[in-house]
């Protein structure tokens, strides 16, 4: 029975591989389909690559602008912070002084009103 199969052209795996390899090289249908798929997908892939390049370029430009802006903000922070901080401290001290003076003036006004009311009560009414 083993002799019956030896006459067959596809009796071993090596023979099958040889036939498949030969078919790959000489298969016009496969070549036409591959070319068709290539032509079908190439514009989409090219467009996708262009979009990716554009997005990458835009991201690079944005990163550069953000780095420049960050550097400018750091410079502004270092340059203006001590000056502004001193002015802010002075404003807080002035505000505290104004609040103290307002409290003193309010207390003095309340005392004056009280004194005026007492004076009116103690003063004899002329004509009585």
N, C-alpha and C. Protein backbone atom coordinates (compact mmCIF):
# COMPACT_ATOMS: atom_id res chain seq x y z
N UNK A 1 0.83 -1.18 0.00
CA UNK A 1 0.00 0.00 0.00
C UNK A 1 0.87 1.24 0.00
N UNK A 2 1.98 1.18 0.65
CA UNK A 2 2.88 2.31 0.67
C UNK A 2 3.38 2.59 -0.73
N UNK A 3 3.48 1.55 -1.56
CA UNK A 3 3.94 1.73 -2.94
C UNK A 3 2.91 2.45 -3.77
N UNK A 4 1.60 2.30 -3.44
CA UNK A 4 0.54 2.96 -4.21
C UNK A 4 0.65 4.48 -4.08
N UNK A 5 1.01 4.95 -2.94
CA UNK A 5 1.07 6.39 -2.70
C UNK A 5 2.36 7.01 -3.24
N UNK A 6 3.38 6.21 -3.49
CA UNK A 6 4.64 6.75 -3.96
C UNK A 6 4.54 7.28 -5.37
N UNK A 7 3.54 6.86 -6.14
CA UNK A 7 3.38 7.34 -7.51
C UNK A 7 2.72 8.71 -7.55
N UNK A 8 2.07 9.10 -6.50
CA UNK A 8 1.36 10.37 -6.46
C UNK A 8 2.35 11.53 -6.51
N UNK A 9 1.92 12.65 -7.12
CA UNK A 9 2.81 13.82 -7.24
C UNK A 9 2.85 14.62 -5.94
N UNK A 10 1.86 14.48 -5.07
CA UNK A 10 1.82 15.23 -3.82
C UNK A 10 1.90 14.29 -2.62
N UNK A 11 2.89 13.41 -2.63
CA UNK A 11 2.98 12.44 -1.55
C UNK A 11 3.75 12.96 -0.36
N UNK A 12 4.57 13.98 -0.52
CA UNK A 12 5.34 14.45 0.62
C UNK A 12 5.12 15.95 0.82
N UNK A 13 5.48 16.40 1.98
CA UNK A 13 5.33 17.82 2.32
C UNK A 13 6.26 18.66 1.46
N UNK A 14 7.45 18.12 1.16
CA UNK A 14 8.40 18.86 0.34
C UNK A 14 7.82 19.14 -1.04
N UNK A 15 7.13 18.16 -1.61
CA UNK A 15 6.52 18.35 -2.92
C UNK A 15 5.45 19.44 -2.85
N UNK A 16 4.66 19.45 -1.77
CA UNK A 16 3.61 20.47 -1.60
C UNK A 16 4.22 21.86 -1.52
N UNK A 17 5.27 22.01 -0.75
CA UNK A 17 5.92 23.32 -0.60
C UNK A 17 6.48 23.79 -1.93
N UNK A 18 7.04 22.90 -2.69
CA UNK A 18 7.59 23.27 -3.99
C UNK A 18 6.48 23.76 -4.90
N UNK A 19 5.36 23.06 -4.91
CA UNK A 19 4.23 23.46 -5.75
C UNK A 19 3.70 24.82 -5.31
N UNK A 20 3.55 25.04 -4.00
CA UNK A 20 3.03 26.32 -3.51
C UNK A 20 3.99 27.47 -3.83
N UNK A 21 5.28 27.23 -3.71
CA UNK A 21 6.26 28.26 -4.02
C UNK A 21 6.21 28.60 -5.50
N UNK A 22 6.07 27.60 -6.31
CA UNK A 22 5.98 27.86 -7.75
C UNK A 22 4.71 28.63 -8.06
N UNK A 23 3.61 28.32 -7.36
CA UNK A 23 2.35 29.02 -7.59
C UNK A 23 2.45 30.49 -7.18
N UNK A 24 3.20 30.78 -6.12
CA UNK A 24 3.34 32.16 -5.68
C UNK A 24 4.05 33.00 -6.73
N UNK A 25 5.01 32.44 -7.38
CA UNK A 25 5.78 33.21 -8.35
C UNK A 25 5.05 33.37 -9.67
N UNK A 26 4.21 32.45 -9.99
CA UNK A 26 3.59 32.46 -11.32
C UNK A 26 2.07 32.56 -11.25
N UNK A 27 1.52 33.25 -10.27
CA UNK A 27 0.08 33.35 -10.14
C UNK A 27 -0.37 34.75 -10.55
N UNK A 28 -0.86 34.91 -11.78
CA UNK A 28 -1.26 36.24 -12.24
C UNK A 28 -2.49 36.78 -11.50
N UNK A 29 -3.39 35.91 -11.08
CA UNK A 29 -4.58 36.37 -10.37
C UNK A 29 -4.19 37.00 -9.03
N UNK A 30 -3.28 36.32 -8.33
CA UNK A 30 -2.80 36.84 -7.07
C UNK A 30 -2.09 38.17 -7.27
N UNK A 31 -1.29 38.28 -8.30
CA UNK A 31 -0.57 39.53 -8.58
C UNK A 31 -1.54 40.66 -8.90
N UNK A 32 -2.57 40.37 -9.66
CA UNK A 32 -3.57 41.39 -10.01
C UNK A 32 -4.33 41.84 -8.77
N UNK A 33 -4.72 40.87 -7.92
CA UNK A 33 -5.42 41.22 -6.68
C UNK A 33 -4.52 42.05 -5.76
N UNK A 34 -3.28 41.65 -5.64
CA UNK A 34 -2.35 42.40 -4.78
C UNK A 34 -2.17 43.82 -5.31
N UNK A 35 -2.02 43.95 -6.61
CA UNK A 35 -1.88 45.28 -7.21
C UNK A 35 -3.15 46.10 -7.00
N UNK A 36 -4.31 45.46 -7.12
CA UNK A 36 -5.58 46.16 -6.89
C UNK A 36 -5.71 46.64 -5.46
N UNK A 37 -5.39 45.76 -4.50
CA UNK A 37 -5.43 46.17 -3.09
C UNK A 37 -4.44 47.30 -2.82
N UNK A 38 -3.25 47.17 -3.40
CA UNK A 38 -2.24 48.20 -3.21
C UNK A 38 -2.75 49.55 -3.73
N UNK A 39 -3.32 49.55 -4.93
CA UNK A 39 -3.84 50.80 -5.50
C UNK A 39 -5.05 51.31 -4.72
N UNK A 40 -5.83 50.41 -4.15
CA UNK A 40 -7.00 50.81 -3.38
C UNK A 40 -6.59 51.46 -2.06
N UNK A 41 -5.63 50.86 -1.38
CA UNK A 41 -5.26 51.35 -0.05
C UNK A 41 -4.17 52.41 -0.06
N UNK A 42 -3.39 52.52 -1.12
CA UNK A 42 -2.28 53.47 -1.15
C UNK A 42 -2.74 54.91 -0.93
N UNK A 43 -3.79 55.43 -1.59
CA UNK A 43 -4.20 56.82 -1.32
C UNK A 43 -4.64 57.03 0.14
N UNK A 44 -5.31 56.05 0.69
CA UNK A 44 -5.76 56.16 2.08
C UNK A 44 -4.54 56.18 3.01
N UNK A 45 -3.59 55.31 2.76
CA UNK A 45 -2.39 55.25 3.59
C UNK A 45 -1.57 56.52 3.43
N UNK A 46 -1.43 57.00 2.18
CA UNK A 46 -0.70 58.25 1.95
C UNK A 46 -1.37 59.41 2.67
N UNK A 47 -2.69 59.48 2.58
CA UNK A 47 -3.43 60.55 3.26
C UNK A 47 -3.25 60.45 4.78
N UNK A 48 -3.31 59.24 5.29
CA UNK A 48 -3.10 59.03 6.73
C UNK A 48 -1.69 59.44 7.14
N UNK A 49 -0.70 59.07 6.34
CA UNK A 49 0.68 59.47 6.64
C UNK A 49 0.83 60.99 6.62
N UNK A 50 0.20 61.65 5.65
CA UNK A 50 0.26 63.11 5.58
C UNK A 50 -0.39 63.74 6.81
N UNK A 51 -1.54 63.20 7.21
CA UNK A 51 -2.21 63.72 8.41
C UNK A 51 -1.36 63.51 9.66
N UNK A 52 -0.72 62.36 9.75
CA UNK A 52 0.14 62.08 10.90
C UNK A 52 1.33 63.03 10.90
N UNK A 53 1.94 63.25 9.72
CA UNK A 53 3.05 64.20 9.64
C UNK A 53 2.60 65.60 10.05
N UNK A 54 1.41 66.01 9.55
CA UNK A 54 0.88 67.33 9.90
C UNK A 54 0.62 67.46 11.39
N UNK A 55 0.03 66.43 11.98
CA UNK A 55 -0.25 66.46 13.42
C UNK A 55 1.06 66.49 14.21
N UNK A 56 2.03 65.73 13.77
CA UNK A 56 3.32 65.71 14.45
C UNK A 56 4.00 67.07 14.36
N UNK A 57 3.94 67.68 13.18
CA UNK A 57 4.53 69.02 12.99
C UNK A 57 3.81 70.04 13.87
N UNK A 58 2.48 69.98 13.90
CA UNK A 58 1.71 70.90 14.73
C UNK A 58 2.03 70.71 16.20
N UNK A 59 2.13 69.46 16.64
CA UNK A 59 2.48 69.19 18.03
C UNK A 59 3.87 69.72 18.37
N UNK A 60 4.80 69.57 17.43
CA UNK A 60 6.15 70.08 17.65
C UNK A 60 6.14 71.60 17.77
N UNK A 61 5.39 72.27 16.88
CA UNK A 61 5.29 73.73 16.95
C UNK A 61 4.62 74.17 18.25
N UNK A 62 3.57 73.46 18.65
CA UNK A 62 2.88 73.78 19.90
C UNK A 62 3.81 73.59 21.09
N UNK A 63 4.56 72.50 21.09
CA UNK A 63 5.50 72.24 22.18
C UNK A 63 6.53 73.37 22.26
N UNK A 64 7.03 73.81 21.10
CA UNK A 64 8.01 74.89 21.08
C UNK A 64 7.40 76.19 21.62
N UNK A 65 6.19 76.50 21.19
CA UNK A 65 5.52 77.71 21.66
C UNK A 65 5.26 77.64 23.17
N UNK A 66 4.85 76.47 23.66
CA UNK A 66 4.61 76.32 25.09
C UNK A 66 5.90 76.48 25.89
N UNK A 67 7.00 75.94 25.36
CA UNK A 67 8.28 76.09 26.05
C UNK A 67 8.70 77.56 26.08
N UNK A 68 8.50 78.27 24.95
CA UNK A 68 8.83 79.70 24.92
C UNK A 68 7.96 80.48 25.90
N UNK A 69 6.67 80.19 25.91
CA UNK A 69 5.75 80.87 26.82
C UNK A 69 6.10 80.57 28.27
N UNK A 70 6.44 79.33 28.55
CA UNK A 70 6.82 78.96 29.91
C UNK A 70 8.08 79.72 30.33
N UNK A 71 9.04 79.83 29.43
CA UNK A 71 10.26 80.59 29.73
C UNK A 71 9.96 82.05 29.98
N UNK A 72 9.10 82.64 29.16
CA UNK A 72 8.73 84.04 29.35
C UNK A 72 8.01 84.25 30.69
N UNK A 73 7.12 83.32 31.02
CA UNK A 73 6.39 83.44 32.29
C UNK A 73 7.35 83.32 33.47
N UNK A 74 8.33 82.42 33.38
CA UNK A 74 9.31 82.30 34.46
C UNK A 74 10.11 83.58 34.59
N UNK A 75 10.51 84.16 33.44
CA UNK A 75 11.26 85.42 33.49
C UNK A 75 10.43 86.52 34.12
N UNK A 76 9.16 86.61 33.72
CA UNK A 76 8.28 87.62 34.30
C UNK A 76 8.11 87.40 35.79
N UNK A 77 7.97 86.17 36.18
CA UNK A 77 7.79 85.85 37.59
C UNK A 77 9.02 86.26 38.39
N UNK A 78 10.19 85.93 37.87
CA UNK A 78 11.42 86.28 38.59
C UNK A 78 11.67 87.78 38.57
N UNK A 79 11.35 88.43 37.46
CA UNK A 79 11.61 89.87 37.35
C UNK A 79 10.65 90.69 38.20
N UNK A 80 9.38 90.37 38.17
CA UNK A 80 8.36 91.22 38.79
C UNK A 80 7.99 90.80 40.20
N UNK A 81 8.26 89.60 40.57
CA UNK A 81 7.80 89.11 41.87
C UNK A 81 8.34 89.93 43.03
N UNK A 82 9.64 90.20 43.11
CA UNK A 82 10.12 90.98 44.27
C UNK A 82 9.53 92.38 44.32
N UNK A 83 9.42 93.03 43.17
CA UNK A 83 8.87 94.39 43.14
C UNK A 83 7.41 94.37 43.55
N UNK A 84 6.64 93.50 42.91
CA UNK A 84 5.22 93.43 43.23
C UNK A 84 5.00 92.97 44.66
N UNK A 85 5.83 92.08 45.12
CA UNK A 85 5.69 91.57 46.48
C UNK A 85 5.90 92.70 47.50
N UNK A 86 6.88 93.54 47.25
CA UNK A 86 7.13 94.68 48.15
C UNK A 86 5.95 95.64 48.14
N UNK A 87 5.41 95.93 46.94
CA UNK A 87 4.26 96.83 46.86
C UNK A 87 3.05 96.23 47.57
N UNK A 88 2.88 94.92 47.40
CA UNK A 88 1.77 94.25 48.06
C UNK A 88 1.91 94.35 49.58
N UNK A 89 3.12 94.13 50.08
CA UNK A 89 3.35 94.26 51.53
C UNK A 89 3.03 95.67 52.01
N UNK A 90 3.48 96.66 51.24
CA UNK A 90 3.21 98.04 51.63
C UNK A 90 1.72 98.33 51.64
N UNK A 91 1.01 97.81 50.63
CA UNK A 91 -0.44 98.03 50.58
C UNK A 91 -1.12 97.39 51.78
N UNK A 92 -0.70 96.21 52.16
CA UNK A 92 -1.30 95.53 53.32
C UNK A 92 -1.03 96.34 54.59
N UNK A 93 0.19 96.85 54.75
CA UNK A 93 0.50 97.66 55.94
C UNK A 93 -0.33 98.94 55.96
N UNK A 94 -0.46 99.60 54.80
CA UNK A 94 -1.27 100.82 54.73
C UNK A 94 -2.72 100.51 55.05
N UNK A 95 -3.23 99.39 54.52
CA UNK A 95 -4.62 99.01 54.80
C UNK A 95 -4.81 98.78 56.29
N UNK A 96 -3.87 98.12 56.93
CA UNK A 96 -3.97 97.88 58.37
C UNK A 96 -3.98 99.19 59.14
N UNK A 97 -3.14 100.12 58.73
CA UNK A 97 -3.11 101.43 59.40
C UNK A 97 -4.42 102.17 59.20
N UNK A 98 -4.96 102.12 57.98
CA UNK A 98 -6.23 102.79 57.69
C UNK A 98 -7.34 102.19 58.54
N UNK A 99 -7.36 100.87 58.68
CA UNK A 99 -8.38 100.21 59.49
C UNK A 99 -8.25 100.66 60.95
N UNK A 100 -7.04 100.74 61.46
CA UNK A 100 -6.83 101.18 62.85
C UNK A 100 -7.32 102.62 63.01
N UNK A 101 -6.95 103.50 62.07
CA UNK A 101 -7.38 104.90 62.14
C UNK A 101 -8.90 105.01 62.05
N UNK A 102 -9.52 104.22 61.17
CA UNK A 102 -10.99 104.25 61.06
C UNK A 102 -11.63 103.81 62.37
N UNK A 103 -11.09 102.79 63.00
CA UNK A 103 -11.63 102.35 64.30
C UNK A 103 -11.49 103.44 65.36
N UNK A 104 -10.34 104.13 65.36
CA UNK A 104 -10.15 105.22 66.33
C UNK A 104 -11.15 106.34 66.06
N UNK A 105 -11.29 106.71 64.77
CA UNK A 105 -12.22 107.79 64.42
C UNK A 105 -13.67 107.41 64.73
N UNK A 106 -14.02 106.16 64.49
CA UNK A 106 -15.38 105.71 64.79
C UNK A 106 -15.63 105.77 66.30
N UNK A 107 -14.67 105.34 67.08
CA UNK A 107 -14.80 105.42 68.54
C UNK A 107 -14.92 106.86 69.01
N UNK A 108 -14.11 107.76 68.42
CA UNK A 108 -14.17 109.18 68.80
C UNK A 108 -15.51 109.78 68.41
N UNK A 109 -16.02 109.41 67.25
CA UNK A 109 -17.32 109.93 66.82
C UNK A 109 -18.42 109.45 67.75
N UNK A 110 -18.38 108.19 68.15
CA UNK A 110 -19.39 107.67 69.08
C UNK A 110 -19.32 108.41 70.42
N UNK A 111 -18.11 108.70 70.89
CA UNK A 111 -17.98 109.46 72.14
C UNK A 111 -18.53 110.88 72.01
N UNK A 112 -18.24 111.51 70.85
CA UNK A 112 -18.77 112.86 70.62
C UNK A 112 -20.29 112.86 70.59
N UNK A 113 -20.86 111.88 69.95
CA UNK A 113 -22.33 111.80 69.90
C UNK A 113 -22.86 111.61 71.31
N UNK A 114 -22.23 110.77 72.10
CA UNK A 114 -22.67 110.54 73.48
C UNK A 114 -22.53 111.82 74.30
N UNK A 115 -21.41 112.52 74.15
CA UNK A 115 -21.21 113.78 74.88
C UNK A 115 -22.25 114.83 74.48
N UNK A 116 -22.53 114.91 73.20
CA UNK A 116 -23.55 115.88 72.73
C UNK A 116 -24.91 115.55 73.31
N UNK A 117 -25.25 114.28 73.36
CA UNK A 117 -26.54 113.88 73.92
C UNK A 117 -26.59 114.20 75.42
N UNK A 118 -25.51 113.95 76.12
CA UNK A 118 -25.47 114.27 77.55
C UNK A 118 -25.55 115.78 77.78
N UNK A 119 -24.88 116.54 76.95
CA UNK A 119 -24.89 117.99 77.07
C UNK A 119 -26.29 118.53 76.85
N UNK A 120 -26.99 117.98 75.87
CA UNK A 120 -28.36 118.43 75.60
C UNK A 120 -29.27 118.09 76.77
N UNK A 121 -29.09 116.96 77.38
CA UNK A 121 -29.92 116.57 78.51
C UNK A 121 -29.63 117.44 79.73
N UNK A 122 -28.40 117.83 79.93
CA UNK A 122 -28.02 118.61 81.11
C UNK A 122 -28.27 120.11 80.94
N UNK A 123 -28.27 120.59 79.76
CA UNK A 123 -28.45 122.03 79.55
C UNK A 123 -29.89 122.41 79.86
N UNK A 124 -30.04 123.52 80.65
CA UNK A 124 -31.42 123.95 80.94
C UNK A 124 -32.02 124.55 79.69
N UNK A 125 -33.24 124.29 79.54
CA UNK A 125 -33.98 124.82 78.40
C UNK A 125 -34.21 126.30 78.65
N UNK A 126 -33.78 127.20 77.78
CA UNK A 126 -34.00 128.63 78.03
C UNK A 126 -35.47 128.95 77.93
N UNK A 127 -35.96 129.63 78.74
CA UNK A 127 -37.37 130.01 78.74
C UNK A 127 -38.17 129.23 79.74
N UNK A 128 -37.58 128.29 80.43
CA UNK A 128 -38.34 127.61 81.46
C UNK A 128 -37.94 128.00 82.82
